C-alpha atoms as a PDB file:
ATOM      1  CA  MET A   1       4.295  12.030  -2.384  1.00  0.00           C
ATOM      2  CA  LYS A   2       3.256   9.844   0.490  1.00  0.00           C
ATOM      3  CA  PHE A   3       1.875   6.362  -0.129  1.00  0.00           C
ATOM      4  CA  THR A   4       0.964   3.473   2.141  1.00  0.00           C
ATOM      5  CA  GLN A   5       2.468   0.103   1.258  1.00  0.00           C
ATOM      6  CA  ASP A   6       2.159  -2.950   3.481  1.00  0.00           C
ATOM      7  CA  ASN A   7       0.675  -0.754   6.241  1.00  0.00           C
ATOM      8  CA  GLU A   8       3.731   1.531   6.259  1.00  0.00           C
ATOM      9  CA  ASP A   9       4.145   5.056   4.947  1.00  0.00           C
ATOM     10  CA  VAL A  10       6.655   5.534   2.149  1.00  0.00           C
ATOM     11  CA  TYR A  11       7.686   8.749   0.437  1.00  0.00           C
ATOM     12  CA  GLN A  12       8.705   9.227  -3.204  1.00  0.00           C
ATOM     13  CA  ILE A  13       9.346  12.191  -5.466  1.00  0.00           C
ATOM     14  CA  HIS A  14       7.011  12.322  -8.481  1.00  0.00           C
ATOM     15  CA  GLU A  15       6.540  14.864 -11.208  1.00  0.00           C
ATOM     16  CA  VAL A  16       3.228  16.603 -10.509  1.00  0.00           C
ATOM     17  CA  HIS A  17       1.113  18.624 -12.920  1.00  0.00           C
ATOM     18  CA  TYR A  18      -1.246  21.333 -11.691  1.00  0.00           C
ATOM     19  CA  ASP A  19      -4.449  22.677 -13.227  1.00  0.00           C
ATOM     20  CA  GLU A  20      -5.267  26.314 -13.994  1.00  0.00           C
ATOM     21  CA  ASN A  21      -6.303  26.792 -10.329  1.00  0.00           C
ATOM     22  CA  ASP A  22      -2.923  25.505  -9.052  1.00  0.00           C
ATOM     23  CA  LYS A  23      -4.514  22.291  -7.798  1.00  0.00           C
ATOM     24  CA  PRO A  24      -2.630  19.022  -8.357  1.00  0.00           C
ATOM     25  CA  SER A  25      -4.268  17.244 -11.284  1.00  0.00           C
ATOM     26  CA  MET A  26      -1.956  14.335 -12.152  1.00  0.00           C
ATOM     27  CA  TYR A  27       1.380  12.764 -11.271  1.00  0.00           C
ATOM     28  CA  THR A  28       3.816  10.360 -12.865  1.00  0.00           C
ATOM     29  CA  GLU A  29       3.147   6.675 -12.264  1.00  0.00           C
ATOM     30  CA  ASN A  30       6.741   5.980 -11.254  1.00  0.00           C
ATOM     31  CA  ALA A  31       8.924   7.890  -8.847  1.00  0.00           C
ATOM     32  CA  TYR A  32      11.186  10.451 -10.466  1.00  0.00           C
ATOM     33  CA  ALA A  33      14.894   9.751 -10.950  1.00  0.00           C
ATOM     34  CA  PRO A  34      17.220  12.600 -11.907  1.00  0.00           C
ATOM     35  CA  ILE A  35      18.851  12.384 -15.327  1.00  0.00           C
ATOM     36  CA  GLY A  36      20.961  14.745 -17.371  1.00  0.00           C
ATOM     37  CA  GLU A  37      23.128  14.926 -20.452  1.00  0.00           C
ATOM     38  CA  SER A  38      25.908  16.546 -18.402  1.00  0.00           C
ATOM     39  CA  LYS A  39      26.992  16.770 -14.793  1.00  0.00           C
ATOM     40  CA  LEU A  40      25.549  20.285 -14.626  1.00  0.00           C
ATOM     41  CA  GLU A  41      22.189  19.159 -15.996  1.00  0.00           C
ATOM     42  CA  LEU A  42      22.109  16.286 -13.502  1.00  0.00           C
ATOM     43  CA  PHE A  43      22.988  18.684 -10.692  1.00  0.00           C
ATOM     44  CA  LYS A  44      20.114  20.998 -11.684  1.00  0.00           C
ATOM     45  CA  GLU A  45      17.699  18.045 -11.665  1.00  0.00           C
ATOM     46  CA  PHE A  46      18.927  17.104  -8.208  1.00  0.00           C
ATOM     47  CA  GLN A  47      18.453  20.697  -7.020  1.00  0.00           C
ATOM     48  CA  MET A  48      14.822  20.604  -8.203  1.00  0.00           C
ATOM     49  CA  MET A  49      14.325  17.384  -6.234  1.00  0.00           C
ATOM     50  CA  LEU A  50      15.727  19.050  -3.116  1.00  0.00           C
ATOM     51  CA  GLU A  51      13.268  21.932  -3.577  1.00  0.00           C
ATOM     52  CA  ALA A  52      10.444  19.381  -3.307  1.00  0.00           C
ATOM     53  CA  PHE A  53      11.198  19.086   0.411  1.00  0.00           C
ATOM     54  CA  ASP A  54      10.013  22.687   0.868  1.00  0.00           C
ATOM     55  CA  LYS A  55       6.629  21.898  -0.681  1.00  0.00           C
ATOM     56  CA  PRO A  56       3.599  20.178   0.875  1.00  0.00           C
ATOM     57  CA  VAL A  57       3.579  16.389   0.869  1.00  0.00           C
ATOM     58  CA  LEU A  58       0.827  15.164  -1.452  1.00  0.00           C
ATOM     59  CA  THR A  59      -1.130  11.929  -1.233  1.00  0.00           C
ATOM     60  CA  GLU A  60      -3.395  10.168  -3.707  1.00  0.00           C
ATOM     61  CA  LEU A  61      -6.350  11.873  -2.002  1.00  0.00           C
ATOM     62  CA  ASP A  62      -5.107  15.237  -3.231  1.00  0.00           C
ATOM     63  CA  PHE A  63      -5.738  14.020  -6.779  1.00  0.00           C
ATOM     64  CA  LYS A  64      -9.124  12.434  -6.129  1.00  0.00           C
ATOM     65  CA  GLU A  65     -10.368  15.864  -5.094  1.00  0.00           C
ATOM     66  CA  ALA A  66      -9.373  17.154  -8.540  1.00  0.00           C
ATOM     67  CA  GLU A  67     -11.634  14.650 -10.346  1.00  0.00           C
END
């Protein structure tokens, strides 16, 4: 997700939930950090984060439209 802080753009990875129409409906308050109970689980979490770079960058406005 893209946010503006102190007049500068910053990017963070958040977990995003989508509604039945595949529109973004909510996101986690804090940026997502990978975690796993094993190295393999952690690696899979990291892979999912890398996949986020192939998806559109969302902003808070994308969620205001869902309200």
